[in-house]
């Protein structure tokens, strides 16, 4: 099973480094960023540290449903403050368990206190499927008596 660092290296150049926002930025800026980059969540960073994350879910629940204005509201008012993170040495299985247990769709990757990447549930599912395909191929080779 691969580790997070390997998954981050597989991402294409435009998705490798995560887009971030500051807690004082306005919600409208985050929504525009997410739409422009076709992403569902953005880590909130202050002084180089992850202090929150803003997702489409946060926007819908804390802005739209409450009739708040995106133009005047700072990100800090709608972001999820209690952010679950992983480091780049954790396995795909560990990340899948965290995301499943905590019902998360995005997981910031932090090494030595610095944000180094962002994993989505899609990234992990894609790798889990690839791992299953590799295992099936090895089993088929074994059954055929081939060495690998």
C-alpha atoms as a PDB file:
ATOM      1  CA  UNK A   1       0.000   0.000   0.000  1.00  0.00           C
ATOM      2  CA  UNK A   2       1.281   3.428  -0.932  1.00  0.00           C
ATOM      3  CA  UNK A   3       1.974   6.239   1.475  1.00  0.00           C
ATOM      4  CA  UNK A   4       0.653   9.791   1.201  1.00  0.00           C
ATOM      5  CA  UNK A   5       3.936  11.179  -0.175  1.00  0.00           C
ATOM      6  CA  UNK A   6       3.686   8.803  -3.137  1.00  0.00           C
ATOM      7  CA  UNK A   7       0.093   9.870  -3.813  1.00  0.00           C
ATOM      8  CA  UNK A   8       1.007  13.536  -3.740  1.00  0.00           C
ATOM      9  CA  UNK A   9       3.813  12.901  -6.240  1.00  0.00           C
ATOM     10  CA  UNK A  10       1.321  11.235  -8.610  1.00  0.00           C
ATOM     11  CA  UNK A  11      -0.869  14.328  -8.753  1.00  0.00           C
ATOM     12  CA  UNK A  12      -0.473  16.496 -11.817  1.00  0.00           C
ATOM     13  CA  UNK A  13       1.438  19.739 -11.397  1.00  0.00           C
ATOM     14  CA  UNK A  14      -1.619  21.991 -11.090  1.00  0.00           C
ATOM     15  CA  UNK A  15      -3.100  19.907  -8.258  1.00  0.00           C
ATOM     16  CA  UNK A  16       0.083  19.048  -6.350  1.00  0.00           C
ATOM     17  CA  UNK A  17       0.453  22.271  -4.328  1.00  0.00           C
ATOM     18  CA  UNK A  18      -2.776  23.082  -2.481  1.00  0.00           C
ATOM     19  CA  UNK A  19      -4.486  26.421  -2.925  1.00  0.00           C
ATOM     20  CA  UNK A  20      -4.925  28.204   0.393  1.00  0.00           C
ATOM     21  CA  UNK A  21      -6.673  31.230   1.846  1.00  0.00           C
ATOM     22  CA  UNK A  22      -6.239  33.298   4.974  1.00  0.00           C
ATOM     23  CA  UNK A  23      -8.841  33.503   7.755  1.00  0.00           C
ATOM     24  CA  UNK A  24      -9.443  37.210   7.089  1.00  0.00           C
ATOM     25  CA  UNK A  25     -10.227  36.776   3.404  1.00  0.00           C
ATOM     26  CA  UNK A  26     -13.859  37.134   2.380  1.00  0.00           C
ATOM     27  CA  UNK A  27     -15.996  34.103   1.639  1.00  0.00           C
ATOM     28  CA  UNK A  28     -16.680  35.367  -1.883  1.00  0.00           C
ATOM     29  CA  UNK A  29     -12.950  35.086  -2.650  1.00  0.00           C
ATOM     30  CA  UNK A  30     -12.926  31.440  -1.552  1.00  0.00           C
ATOM     31  CA  UNK A  31     -16.005  30.594  -3.600  1.00  0.00           C
ATOM     32  CA  UNK A  32     -14.458  32.203  -6.680  1.00  0.00           C
ATOM     33  CA  UNK A  33     -11.191  30.291  -6.090  1.00  0.00           C
ATOM     34  CA  UNK A  34     -13.005  26.974  -5.694  1.00  0.00           C
ATOM     35  CA  UNK A  35     -15.033  27.594  -8.848  1.00  0.00           C
ATOM     36  CA  UNK A  36     -11.997  28.713 -10.883  1.00  0.00           C
ATOM     37  CA  UNK A  37      -9.860  25.754  -9.794  1.00  0.00           C
ATOM     38  CA  UNK A  38     -12.725  23.227  -9.738  1.00  0.00           C
ATOM     39  CA  UNK A  39     -11.964  22.201  -6.156  1.00  0.00           C
ATOM     40  CA  UNK A  40     -14.268  21.421  -3.248  1.00  0.00           C
ATOM     41  CA  UNK A  41     -12.243  22.641  -0.285  1.00  0.00           C
ATOM     42  CA  UNK A  42      -9.463  25.059   0.600  1.00  0.00           C
ATOM     43  CA  UNK A  43      -7.196  24.919   3.659  1.00  0.00           C
ATOM     44  CA  UNK A  44      -7.111  28.105   5.716  1.00  0.00           C
ATOM     45  CA  UNK A  45      -3.558  29.060   6.641  1.00  0.00           C
ATOM     46  CA  UNK A  46      -2.262  31.700   9.053  1.00  0.00           C
ATOM     47  CA  UNK A  47       1.445  32.269   9.672  1.00  0.00           C
ATOM     48  CA  UNK A  48       2.222  29.099   7.721  1.00  0.00           C
ATOM     49  CA  UNK A  49      -0.011  26.884   9.881  1.00  0.00           C
ATOM     50  CA  UNK A  50      -3.304  25.219   8.983  1.00  0.00           C
ATOM     51  CA  UNK A  51      -5.957  26.840  11.173  1.00  0.00           C
ATOM     52  CA  UNK A  52      -9.051  25.615   9.343  1.00  0.00           C
ATOM     53  CA  UNK A  53     -10.560  24.367   6.135  1.00  0.00           C
ATOM     54  CA  UNK A  54     -13.448  25.725   4.075  1.00  0.00           C
ATOM     55  CA  UNK A  55     -15.506  23.370   1.976  1.00  0.00           C
ATOM     56  CA  UNK A  56     -18.554  23.616  -0.224  1.00  0.00           C
ATOM     57  CA  UNK A  57     -20.410  21.971   2.654  1.00  0.00           C
ATOM     58  CA  UNK A  58     -19.372  24.815   5.003  1.00  0.00           C
ATOM     59  CA  UNK A  59     -20.567  27.372   2.469  1.00  0.00           C
ATOM     60  CA  UNK A  60     -23.970  25.778   1.978  1.00  0.00           C
ATOM     61  CA  UNK A  61     -24.636  25.155   5.656  1.00  0.00           C
ATOM     62  CA  UNK A  62     -23.203  28.338   7.148  1.00  0.00           C
ATOM     63  CA  UNK A  63     -23.871  30.882   4.413  1.00  0.00           C
ATOM     64  CA  UNK A  64     -26.667  29.914   2.040  1.00  0.00           C
ATOM     65  CA  UNK A  65     -28.983  28.316   4.560  1.00  0.00           C
ATOM     66  CA  UNK A  66     -28.575  31.275   6.916  1.00  0.00           C
ATOM     67  CA  UNK A  67     -28.931  33.930   4.214  1.00  0.00           C
ATOM     68  CA  UNK A  68     -25.544  35.507   4.909  1.00  0.00           C
ATOM     69  CA  UNK A  69     -23.647  37.681   2.419  1.00  0.00           C
ATOM     70  CA  UNK A  70     -20.479  36.176   0.913  1.00  0.00           C
ATOM     71  CA  UNK A  71     -19.033  39.603   0.181  1.00  0.00           C
ATOM     72  CA  UNK A  72     -18.825  40.792   3.789  1.00  0.00           C
ATOM     73  CA  UNK A  73     -18.211  37.569   5.697  1.00  0.00           C
ATOM     74  CA  UNK A  74     -14.660  36.523   6.620  1.00  0.00           C
ATOM     75  CA  UNK A  75     -13.601  32.938   6.053  1.00  0.00           C
ATOM     76  CA  UNK A  76     -12.915  32.517   9.787  1.00  0.00           C
ATOM     77  CA  UNK A  77     -16.659  32.686  10.468  1.00  0.00           C
ATOM     78  CA  UNK A  78     -17.556  29.671   8.335  1.00  0.00           C
ATOM     79  CA  UNK A  79     -14.407  27.520   8.262  1.00  0.00           C
ATOM     80  CA  UNK A  80     -14.157  24.231  10.079  1.00  0.00           C
ATOM     81  CA  UNK A  81     -11.760  24.982  12.933  1.00  0.00           C
ATOM     82  CA  UNK A  82     -11.047  21.470  14.165  1.00  0.00           C
ATOM     83  CA  UNK A  83      -9.050  20.234  11.181  1.00  0.00           C
ATOM     84  CA  UNK A  84      -7.955  16.624  11.006  1.00  0.00           C
ATOM     85  CA  UNK A  85      -4.595  16.276   9.245  1.00  0.00           C
ATOM     86  CA  UNK A  86      -2.199  13.497   8.263  1.00  0.00           C
ATOM     87  CA  UNK A  87       1.519  13.435   7.517  1.00  0.00           C
ATOM     88  CA  UNK A  88       3.139  12.318   4.292  1.00  0.00           C
ATOM     89  CA  UNK A  89       4.306   8.996   5.758  1.00  0.00           C
ATOM     90  CA  UNK A  90       0.851   7.680   6.584  1.00  0.00           C
ATOM     91  CA  UNK A  91      -0.688   4.990   4.403  1.00  0.00           C
ATOM     92  CA  UNK A  92      -3.661   5.207   2.091  1.00  0.00           C
ATOM     93  CA  UNK A  93      -5.498   2.778   4.408  1.00  0.00           C
ATOM     94  CA  UNK A  94      -4.914   5.017   7.416  1.00  0.00           C
ATOM     95  CA  UNK A  95      -6.215   8.030   5.496  1.00  0.00           C
ATOM     96  CA  UNK A  96      -9.273   6.113   4.260  1.00  0.00           C
ATOM     97  CA  UNK A  97     -10.068   5.096   7.841  1.00  0.00           C
ATOM     98  CA  UNK A  98      -9.776   8.684   9.081  1.00  0.00           C
ATOM     99  CA  UNK A  99     -11.937  10.036   6.271  1.00  0.00           C
ATOM    100  CA  UNK A 100     -14.562   7.321   6.751  1.00  0.00           C
ATOM    101  CA  UNK A 101     -14.679   7.558  10.546  1.00  0.00           C
ATOM    102  CA  UNK A 102     -14.760  11.368  10.590  1.00  0.00           C
ATOM    103  CA  UNK A 103     -16.926  11.707   7.461  1.00  0.00           C
ATOM    104  CA  UNK A 104     -14.394  13.910   5.695  1.00  0.00           C
ATOM    105  CA  UNK A 105     -13.962  14.554   1.988  1.00  0.00           C
ATOM    106  CA  UNK A 106     -10.646  16.407   2.202  1.00  0.00           C
ATOM    107  CA  UNK A 107      -7.587  15.782   4.320  1.00  0.00           C
ATOM    108  CA  UNK A 108      -4.703  18.281   4.606  1.00  0.00           C
ATOM    109  CA  UNK A 109      -1.214  16.766   4.637  1.00  0.00           C
ATOM    110  CA  UNK A 110       1.090  18.476   7.134  1.00  0.00           C
ATOM    111  CA  UNK A 111       4.781  17.757   7.698  1.00  0.00           C
ATOM    112  CA  UNK A 112       6.730  19.570  10.426  1.00  0.00           C
ATOM    113  CA  UNK A 113       3.808  21.965  10.895  1.00  0.00           C
ATOM    114  CA  UNK A 114       3.696  23.013   7.225  1.00  0.00           C
ATOM    115  CA  UNK A 115       0.986  22.208   4.696  1.00  0.00           C
ATOM    116  CA  UNK A 116       2.473  20.069   1.911  1.00  0.00           C
ATOM    117  CA  UNK A 117      -0.658  18.813   0.179  1.00  0.00           C
ATOM    118  CA  UNK A 118      -4.353  18.085   0.241  1.00  0.00           C
ATOM    119  CA  UNK A 119      -5.942  14.691  -0.375  1.00  0.00           C
ATOM    120  CA  UNK A 120      -9.505  14.203  -1.504  1.00  0.00           C
ATOM    121  CA  UNK A 121     -11.586  11.098  -1.044  1.00  0.00           C
ATOM    122  CA  UNK A 122     -11.328  10.708  -4.822  1.00  0.00           C
ATOM    123  CA  UNK A 123      -7.528  10.535  -4.621  1.00  0.00           C
ATOM    124  CA  UNK A 124      -7.752   7.733  -2.081  1.00  0.00           C
ATOM    125  CA  UNK A 125     -10.460   5.773  -3.872  1.00  0.00           C
ATOM    126  CA  UNK A 126      -8.492   5.974  -7.122  1.00  0.00           C
ATOM    127  CA  UNK A 127      -5.420   4.535  -5.390  1.00  0.00           C
ATOM    128  CA  UNK A 128      -7.429   1.824  -3.610  1.00  0.00           C
ATOM    129  CA  UNK A 129      -8.841   0.678  -6.958  1.00  0.00           C
ATOM    130  CA  UNK A 130      -5.355   0.678  -8.524  1.00  0.00           C
ATOM    131  CA  UNK A 131      -4.035  -1.376  -5.595  1.00  0.00           C
ATOM    132  CA  UNK A 132      -6.837  -3.910  -6.021  1.00  0.00           C
ATOM    133  CA  UNK A 133      -6.029  -4.205  -9.731  1.00  0.00           C
ATOM    134  CA  UNK A 134      -2.357  -4.843  -8.908  1.00  0.00           C
ATOM    135  CA  UNK A 135      -3.328  -7.518  -6.393  1.00  0.00           C
ATOM    136  CA  UNK A 136      -5.694  -9.222  -8.843  1.00  0.00           C
ATOM    137  CA  UNK A 137      -2.942  -9.304 -11.481  1.00  0.00           C
ATOM    138  CA  UNK A 138      -0.500 -10.869  -9.014  1.00  0.00           C
ATOM    139  CA  UNK A 139      -3.066 -13.485  -7.993  1.00  0.00           C
ATOM    140  CA  UNK A 140      -3.793 -14.313 -11.627  1.00  0.00           C
ATOM    141  CA  UNK A 141      -0.068 -14.717 -12.288  1.00  0.00           C
ATOM    142  CA  UNK A 142       0.215 -16.981  -9.252  1.00  0.00           C
ATOM    143  CA  UNK A 143      -2.716 -19.109 -10.392  1.00  0.00           C
ATOM    144  CA  UNK A 144      -1.159 -19.451 -13.863  1.00  0.00           C
ATOM    145  CA  UNK A 145       2.116 -20.495 -12.252  1.00  0.00           C
ATOM    146  CA  UNK A 146       3.985 -17.433 -13.467  1.00  0.00           C
ATOM    147  CA  UNK A 147       6.702 -15.866 -11.370  1.00  0.00           C
ATOM    148  CA  UNK A 148       6.680 -12.186 -10.647  1.00  0.00           C
END
